[in-house]
């Protein structure tokens, strides 16, 4: 799931690839609230997984987002 998220961040949101690590914080990769909303939409469009923007806003690291995606993906399955 990390590689999928990294692909979205780098490919769609134009985050520098070297910044995207599991430990990177939302601030480290320079995502603002608008980018988080866009990321939620991308996750839903590309993966069919609905992730709430508020839950994304509460995520501290890239790994937190990955875990949230996995949890939501399991709920859909």
PDB file of N, CA and C in Angstrom:
ATOM      1  N   UNK A   1       0.826  -1.195   0.000  1.00  0.00           N
ATOM      2  CA  UNK A   1       0.000   0.000   0.000  1.00  0.00           C
ATOM      3  C   UNK A   1       0.871   1.259   0.000  1.00  0.00           C
ATOM      4  N   UNK A   2       2.055   1.174   0.629  1.00  0.00           N
ATOM      5  CA  UNK A   2       2.953   2.332   0.646  1.00  0.00           C
ATOM      6  C   UNK A   2       3.338   2.748  -0.766  1.00  0.00           C
ATOM      7  N   UNK A   3       3.668   1.785  -1.616  1.00  0.00           N
ATOM      8  CA  UNK A   3       4.096   2.112  -2.986  1.00  0.00           C
ATOM      9  C   UNK A   3       2.961   2.762  -3.778  1.00  0.00           C
ATOM     10  N   UNK A   4       1.741   2.331  -3.532  1.00  0.00           N
ATOM     11  CA  UNK A   4       0.586   2.939  -4.202  1.00  0.00           C
ATOM     12  C   UNK A   4       0.433   4.387  -3.753  1.00  0.00           C
ATOM     13  N   UNK A   5       0.504   4.603  -2.437  1.00  0.00           N
ATOM     14  CA  UNK A   5       0.397   5.959  -1.901  1.00  0.00           C
ATOM     15  C   UNK A   5       1.534   6.828  -2.423  1.00  0.00           C
ATOM     16  N   UNK A   6       2.735   6.288  -2.430  1.00  0.00           N
ATOM     17  CA  UNK A   6       3.885   7.043  -2.930  1.00  0.00           C
ATOM     18  C   UNK A   6       3.659   7.442  -4.386  1.00  0.00           C
ATOM     19  N   UNK A   7       3.126   6.523  -5.181  1.00  0.00           N
ATOM     20  CA  UNK A   7       2.835   6.822  -6.578  1.00  0.00           C
ATOM     21  C   UNK A   7       1.843   7.967  -6.731  1.00  0.00           C
ATOM     22  N   UNK A   8       0.819   7.985  -5.886  1.00  0.00           N
ATOM     23  CA  UNK A   8      -0.159   9.073  -5.926  1.00  0.00           C
ATOM     24  C   UNK A   8       0.477  10.395  -5.518  1.00  0.00           C
ATOM     25  N   UNK A   9       1.258  10.355  -4.445  1.00  0.00           N
ATOM     26  CA  UNK A   9       1.882  11.582  -3.954  1.00  0.00           C
ATOM     27  C   UNK A   9       2.859  12.163  -4.968  1.00  0.00           C
ATOM     28  N   UNK A  10       3.676  11.305  -5.544  1.00  0.00           N
ATOM     29  CA  UNK A  10       4.701  11.762  -6.490  1.00  0.00           C
ATOM     30  C   UNK A  10       4.080  12.076  -7.852  1.00  0.00           C
ATOM     31  N   UNK A  11       3.266  11.163  -8.356  1.00  0.00           N
ATOM     32  CA  UNK A  11       2.730  11.305  -9.705  1.00  0.00           C
ATOM     33  C   UNK A  11       1.621  12.329  -9.842  1.00  0.00           C
ATOM     34  N   UNK A  12       0.727  12.376  -8.872  1.00  0.00           N
ATOM     35  CA  UNK A  12      -0.449  13.244  -8.995  1.00  0.00           C
ATOM     36  C   UNK A  12      -0.310  14.553  -8.221  1.00  0.00           C
ATOM     37  N   UNK A  13       0.306  14.488  -7.035  1.00  0.00           N
ATOM     38  CA  UNK A  13       0.410  15.693  -6.209  1.00  0.00           C
ATOM     39  C   UNK A  13       1.777  16.362  -6.304  1.00  0.00           C
ATOM     40  N   UNK A  14       2.647  15.780  -7.115  1.00  0.00           N
ATOM     41  CA  UNK A  14       3.964  16.368  -7.409  1.00  0.00           C
ATOM     42  C   UNK A  14       4.845  16.566  -6.170  1.00  0.00           C
ATOM     43  N   UNK A  15       4.746  15.625  -5.211  1.00  0.00           N
ATOM     44  CA  UNK A  15       5.638  15.632  -4.054  1.00  0.00           C
ATOM     45  C   UNK A  15       6.970  15.044  -4.508  1.00  0.00           C
ATOM     46  N   UNK A  16       8.068  15.632  -4.075  1.00  0.00           N
ATOM     47  CA  UNK A  16       9.393  15.129  -4.442  1.00  0.00           C
ATOM     48  C   UNK A  16       9.557  13.704  -3.919  1.00  0.00           C
ATOM     49  N   UNK A  17       9.952  12.797  -4.813  1.00  0.00           N
ATOM     50  CA  UNK A  17      10.031  11.376  -4.477  1.00  0.00           C
ATOM     51  C   UNK A  17      10.903  11.106  -3.252  1.00  0.00           C
ATOM     52  N   UNK A  18      12.010  11.819  -3.137  1.00  0.00           N
ATOM     53  CA  UNK A  18      12.930  11.573  -2.020  1.00  0.00           C
ATOM     54  C   UNK A  18      12.332  11.965  -0.668  1.00  0.00           C
ATOM     55  N   UNK A  19      11.284  12.763  -0.671  1.00  0.00           N
ATOM     56  CA  UNK A  19      10.635  13.159   0.583  1.00  0.00           C
ATOM     57  C   UNK A  19       9.666  12.102   1.100  1.00  0.00           C
ATOM     58  N   UNK A  20       9.199  11.224   0.212  1.00  0.00           N
ATOM     59  CA  UNK A  20       8.149  10.271   0.576  1.00  0.00           C
ATOM     60  C   UNK A  20       8.761   9.006   1.167  1.00  0.00           C
ATOM     61  N   UNK A  21       8.751   8.954   2.488  1.00  0.00           N
ATOM     62  CA  UNK A  21       9.179   7.775   3.237  1.00  0.00           C
ATOM     63  C   UNK A  21       8.068   7.460   4.239  1.00  0.00           C
ATOM     64  N   UNK A  22       8.019   6.240   4.751  1.00  0.00           N
ATOM     65  CA  UNK A  22       6.972   5.930   5.731  1.00  0.00           C
ATOM     66  C   UNK A  22       6.998   6.855   6.950  1.00  0.00           C
ATOM     67  N   UNK A  23       8.194   7.297   7.330  1.00  0.00           N
ATOM     68  CA  UNK A  23       8.336   8.124   8.529  1.00  0.00           C
ATOM     69  C   UNK A  23       8.070   9.602   8.279  1.00  0.00           C
ATOM     70  N   UNK A  24       7.996  10.015   7.026  1.00  0.00           N
ATOM     71  CA  UNK A  24       7.807  11.432   6.698  1.00  0.00           C
ATOM     72  C   UNK A  24       6.468  11.926   7.229  1.00  0.00           C
ATOM     73  N   UNK A  25       6.496  13.111   7.821  1.00  0.00           N
ATOM     74  CA  UNK A  25       5.254  13.704   8.305  1.00  0.00           C
ATOM     75  C   UNK A  25       4.560  14.439   7.163  1.00  0.00           C
ATOM     76  N   UNK A  26       3.320  14.777   7.400  1.00  0.00           N
ATOM     77  CA  UNK A  26       2.554  15.541   6.422  1.00  0.00           C
ATOM     78  C   UNK A  26       3.265  16.866   6.143  1.00  0.00           C
ATOM     79  N   UNK A  27       3.826  17.460   7.179  1.00  0.00           N
ATOM     80  CA  UNK A  27       4.585  18.705   7.002  1.00  0.00           C
ATOM     81  C   UNK A  27       5.841  18.471   6.179  1.00  0.00           C
ATOM     82  N   UNK A  28       6.524  17.340   6.406  1.00  0.00           N
ATOM     83  CA  UNK A  28       7.747  17.029   5.655  1.00  0.00           C
ATOM     84  C   UNK A  28       7.486  16.992   4.152  1.00  0.00           C
ATOM     85  N   UNK A  29       6.338  16.444   3.772  1.00  0.00           N
ATOM     86  CA  UNK A  29       6.038  16.325   2.339  1.00  0.00           C
ATOM     87  C   UNK A  29       5.188  17.500   1.841  1.00  0.00           C
ATOM     88  N   UNK A  30       5.000  18.470   2.723  1.00  0.00           N
ATOM     89  CA  UNK A  30       4.386  19.755   2.377  1.00  0.00           C
ATOM     90  C   UNK A  30       2.963  19.633   1.834  1.00  0.00           C
ATOM     91  N   UNK A  31       2.152  18.819   2.527  1.00  0.00           N
ATOM     92  CA  UNK A  31       0.742  18.706   2.154  1.00  0.00           C
ATOM     93  C   UNK A  31      -0.086  19.638   3.026  1.00  0.00           C
ATOM     94  N   UNK A  32      -0.832  20.518   2.390  1.00  0.00           N
ATOM     95  CA  UNK A  32      -1.747  21.379   3.129  1.00  0.00           C
ATOM     96  C   UNK A  32      -3.143  20.747   3.120  1.00  0.00           C
ATOM     97  N   UNK A  33      -4.098  21.430   3.711  1.00  0.00           N
ATOM     98  CA  UNK A  33      -5.440  20.851   3.825  1.00  0.00           C
ATOM     99  C   UNK A  33      -6.084  20.617   2.461  1.00  0.00           C
ATOM    100  N   UNK A  34      -5.833  21.482   1.509  1.00  0.00           N
ATOM    101  CA  UNK A  34      -6.381  21.296   0.165  1.00  0.00           C
ATOM    102  C   UNK A  34      -5.781  20.058  -0.499  1.00  0.00           C
ATOM    103  N   UNK A  35      -4.482  19.858  -0.319  1.00  0.00           N
ATOM    104  CA  UNK A  35      -3.816  18.678  -0.886  1.00  0.00           C
ATOM    105  C   UNK A  35      -4.345  17.398  -0.239  1.00  0.00           C
ATOM    106  N   UNK A  36      -4.683  17.447   1.044  1.00  0.00           N
ATOM    107  CA  UNK A  36      -5.242  16.269   1.711  1.00  0.00           C
ATOM    108  C   UNK A  36      -6.617  15.917   1.145  1.00  0.00           C
ATOM    109  N   UNK A  37      -7.416  16.931   0.842  1.00  0.00           N
ATOM    110  CA  UNK A  37      -8.721  16.686   0.220  1.00  0.00           C
ATOM    111  C   UNK A  37      -8.512  16.058  -1.155  1.00  0.00           C
ATOM    112  N   UNK A  38      -7.567  16.600  -1.914  1.00  0.00           N
ATOM    113  CA  UNK A  38      -7.269  16.050  -3.236  1.00  0.00           C
ATOM    114  C   UNK A  38      -6.772  14.611  -3.122  1.00  0.00           C
ATOM    115  N   UNK A  39      -5.932  14.335  -2.122  1.00  0.00           N
ATOM    116  CA  UNK A  39      -5.431  12.980  -1.916  1.00  0.00           C
ATOM    117  C   UNK A  39      -6.578  12.024  -1.603  1.00  0.00           C
ATOM    118  N   UNK A  40      -7.512  12.450  -0.766  1.00  0.00           N
ATOM    119  CA  UNK A  40      -8.668  11.604  -0.443  1.00  0.00           C
ATOM    120  C   UNK A  40      -9.452  11.261  -1.706  1.00  0.00           C
ATOM    121  N   UNK A  41      -9.636  12.244  -2.574  1.00  0.00           N
ATOM    122  CA  UNK A  41     -10.346  12.003  -3.835  1.00  0.00           C
ATOM    123  C   UNK A  41      -9.569  11.052  -4.739  1.00  0.00           C
ATOM    124  N   UNK A  42      -8.252  11.223  -4.802  1.00  0.00           N
ATOM    125  CA  UNK A  42      -7.419  10.344  -5.627  1.00  0.00           C
ATOM    126  C   UNK A  42      -7.464   8.904  -5.133  1.00  0.00           C
ATOM    127  N   UNK A  43      -7.412   8.727  -3.819  1.00  0.00           N
ATOM    128  CA  UNK A  43      -7.466   7.381  -3.240  1.00  0.00           C
ATOM    129  C   UNK A  43      -8.791   6.724  -3.610  1.00  0.00           C
ATOM    130  N   UNK A  44      -9.867   7.490  -3.511  1.00  0.00           N
ATOM    131  CA  UNK A  44     -11.177   6.928  -3.843  1.00  0.00           C
ATOM    132  C   UNK A  44     -11.287   6.619  -5.339  1.00  0.00           C
ATOM    133  N   UNK A  45     -10.822   7.528  -6.188  1.00  0.00           N
ATOM    134  CA  UNK A  45     -10.898   7.314  -7.636  1.00  0.00           C
ATOM    135  C   UNK A  45     -10.030   6.148  -8.086  1.00  0.00           C
ATOM    136  N   UNK A  46      -8.791   6.116  -7.610  1.00  0.00           N
ATOM    137  CA  UNK A  46      -7.835   5.120  -8.096  1.00  0.00           C
ATOM    138  C   UNK A  46      -7.997   3.756  -7.445  1.00  0.00           C
ATOM    139  N   UNK A  47      -8.412   3.733  -6.181  1.00  0.00           N
ATOM    140  CA  UNK A  47      -8.465   2.472  -5.445  1.00  0.00           C
ATOM    141  C   UNK A  47      -9.878   2.040  -5.077  1.00  0.00           C
ATOM    142  N   UNK A  48     -10.828   2.942  -5.230  1.00  0.00           N
ATOM    143  CA  UNK A  48     -12.186   2.623  -4.821  1.00  0.00           C
ATOM    144  C   UNK A  48     -12.335   2.539  -3.317  1.00  0.00           C
ATOM    145  N   UNK A  49     -11.416   3.183  -2.603  1.00  0.00           N
ATOM    146  CA  UNK A  49     -11.414   3.158  -1.141  1.00  0.00           C
ATOM    147  C   UNK A  49     -11.762   4.551  -0.643  1.00  0.00           C
ATOM    148  N   UNK A  50     -12.813   4.644   0.139  1.00  0.00           N
ATOM    149  CA  UNK A  50     -13.239   5.932   0.672  1.00  0.00           C
ATOM    150  C   UNK A  50     -12.489   6.234   1.964  1.00  0.00           C
ATOM    151  N   UNK A  51     -11.723   7.330   1.930  1.00  0.00           N
ATOM    152  CA  UNK A  51     -10.981   7.773   3.109  1.00  0.00           C
ATOM    153  C   UNK A  51     -11.488   9.163   3.462  1.00  0.00           C
ATOM    154  N   UNK A  52     -11.938   9.328   4.686  1.00  0.00           N
ATOM    155  CA  UNK A  52     -12.470  10.598   5.149  1.00  0.00           C
ATOM    156  C   UNK A  52     -11.356  11.642   5.254  1.00  0.00           C
ATOM    157  N   UNK A  53     -11.630  12.852   4.782  1.00  0.00           N
ATOM    158  CA  UNK A  53     -10.628  13.918   4.835  1.00  0.00           C
ATOM    159  C   UNK A  53     -10.212  14.237   6.266  1.00  0.00           C
ATOM    160  N   UNK A  54     -11.167  14.137   7.205  1.00  0.00           N
ATOM    161  CA  UNK A  54     -10.839  14.404   8.605  1.00  0.00           C
ATOM    162  C   UNK A  54      -9.865  13.366   9.152  1.00  0.00           C
ATOM    163  N   UNK A  55     -10.049  12.112   8.739  1.00  0.00           N
ATOM    164  CA  UNK A  55      -9.119  11.064   9.163  1.00  0.00           C
ATOM    165  C   UNK A  55      -7.737  11.309   8.569  1.00  0.00           C
ATOM    166  N   UNK A  56      -7.693  11.749   7.325  1.00  0.00           N
ATOM    167  CA  UNK A  56      -6.404  12.079   6.713  1.00  0.00           C
ATOM    168  C   UNK A  56      -5.743  13.235   7.450  1.00  0.00           C
ATOM    169  N   UNK A  57      -6.534  14.223   7.832  1.00  0.00           N
ATOM    170  CA  UNK A  57      -5.989  15.380   8.540  1.00  0.00           C
ATOM    171  C   UNK A  57      -5.411  14.974   9.894  1.00  0.00           C
ATOM    172  N   UNK A  58      -5.961  13.910  10.491  1.00  0.00           N
ATOM    173  CA  UNK A  58      -5.457  13.425  11.779  1.00  0.00           C
ATOM    174  C   UNK A  58      -4.209  12.561  11.630  1.00  0.00           C
ATOM    175  N   UNK A  59      -3.931  12.123  10.413  1.00  0.00           N
ATOM    176  CA  UNK A  59      -2.740  11.294  10.179  1.00  0.00           C
ATOM    177  C   UNK A  59      -1.495  12.152  10.363  1.00  0.00           C
ATOM    178  N   UNK A  60      -0.494  11.594  11.011  1.00  0.00           N
ATOM    179  CA  UNK A  60       0.725  12.340  11.287  1.00  0.00           C
ATOM    180  C   UNK A  60       1.813  12.033  10.262  1.00  0.00           C
ATOM    181  N   UNK A  61       1.886  10.780   9.824  1.00  0.00           N
ATOM    182  CA  UNK A  61       2.952  10.370   8.907  1.00  0.00           C
ATOM    183  C   UNK A  61       2.376   9.693   7.662  1.00  0.00           C
ATOM    184  N   UNK A  62       3.242   9.490   6.686  1.00  0.00           N
ATOM    185  CA  UNK A  62       2.859   8.757   5.480  1.00  0.00           C
ATOM    186  C   UNK A  62       2.413   7.347   5.865  1.00  0.00           C
ATOM    187  N   UNK A  63       3.105   6.739   6.821  1.00  0.00           N
ATOM    188  CA  UNK A  63       2.725   5.398   7.272  1.00  0.00           C
ATOM    189  C   UNK A  63       1.324   5.396   7.883  1.00  0.00           C
ATOM    190  N   UNK A  64       0.963   6.456   8.604  1.00  0.00           N
ATOM    191  CA  UNK A  64      -0.393   6.560   9.153  1.00  0.00           C
ATOM    192  C   UNK A  64      -1.431   6.542   8.032  1.00  0.00           C
ATOM    193  N   UNK A  65      -1.140   7.256   6.947  1.00  0.00           N
ATOM    194  CA  UNK A  65      -2.063   7.280   5.807  1.00  0.00           C
ATOM    195  C   UNK A  65      -2.140   5.897   5.173  1.00  0.00           C
ATOM    196  N   UNK A  66      -0.994   5.234   5.048  1.00  0.00           N
ATOM    197  CA  UNK A  66      -0.959   3.883   4.488  1.00  0.00           C
ATOM    198  C   UNK A  66      -1.817   2.935   5.323  1.00  0.00           C
ATOM    199  N   UNK A  67      -1.692   3.024   6.638  1.00  0.00           N
ATOM    200  CA  UNK A  67      -2.489   2.170   7.523  1.00  0.00           C
ATOM    201  C   UNK A  67      -3.976   2.474   7.389  1.00  0.00           C
ATOM    202  N   UNK A  68      -4.312   3.750   7.288  1.00  0.00           N
ATOM    203  CA  UNK A  68      -5.703   4.145   7.110  1.00  0.00           C
ATOM    204  C   UNK A  68      -6.260   3.581   5.808  1.00  0.00           C
ATOM    205  N   UNK A  69      -5.478   3.662   4.745  1.00  0.00           N
ATOM    206  CA  UNK A  69      -5.892   3.099   3.455  1.00  0.00           C
ATOM    207  C   UNK A  69      -6.116   1.598   3.571  1.00  0.00           C
ATOM    208  N   UNK A  70      -5.210   0.910   4.257  1.00  0.00           N
ATOM    209  CA  UNK A  70      -5.335  -0.543   4.427  1.00  0.00           C
ATOM    210  C   UNK A  70      -6.588  -0.900   5.217  1.00  0.00           C
ATOM    211  N   UNK A  71      -6.830  -0.160   6.303  1.00  0.00           N
ATOM    212  CA  UNK A  71      -8.014  -0.413   7.122  1.00  0.00           C
ATOM    213  C   UNK A  71      -9.287  -0.216   6.308  1.00  0.00           C
ATOM    214  N   UNK A  72      -9.358   0.876   5.559  1.00  0.00           N
ATOM    215  CA  UNK A  72     -10.545   1.161   4.757  1.00  0.00           C
ATOM    216  C   UNK A  72     -10.702   0.147   3.631  1.00  0.00           C
ATOM    217  N   UNK A  73      -9.580  -0.289   3.076  1.00  0.00           N
ATOM    218  CA  UNK A  73      -9.603  -1.291   2.016  1.00  0.00           C
ATOM    219  C   UNK A  73     -10.171  -2.603   2.545  1.00  0.00           C
ATOM    220  N   UNK A  74      -9.795  -2.966   3.767  1.00  0.00           N
ATOM    221  CA  UNK A  74     -10.307  -4.190   4.381  1.00  0.00           C
ATOM    222  C   UNK A  74     -11.800  -4.085   4.667  1.00  0.00           C
ATOM    223  N   UNK A  75     -12.270  -2.883   4.978  1.00  0.00           N
ATOM    224  CA  UNK A  75     -13.701  -2.680   5.225  1.00  0.00           C
ATOM    225  C   UNK A  75     -14.507  -2.862   3.953  1.00  0.00           C
ATOM    226  N   UNK A  76     -13.909  -2.508   2.817  1.00  0.00           N
ATOM    227  CA  UNK A  76     -14.588  -2.608   1.528  1.00  0.00           C
ATOM    228  C   UNK A  76     -14.638  -4.044   1.049  1.00  0.00           C
ATOM    229  N   UNK A  77     -13.589  -4.818   1.345  1.00  0.00           N
ATOM    230  CA  UNK A  77     -13.489  -6.205   0.854  1.00  0.00           C
ATOM    231  C   UNK A  77     -14.576  -7.091   1.397  1.00  0.00           C
TER     232      UNK A  77
END
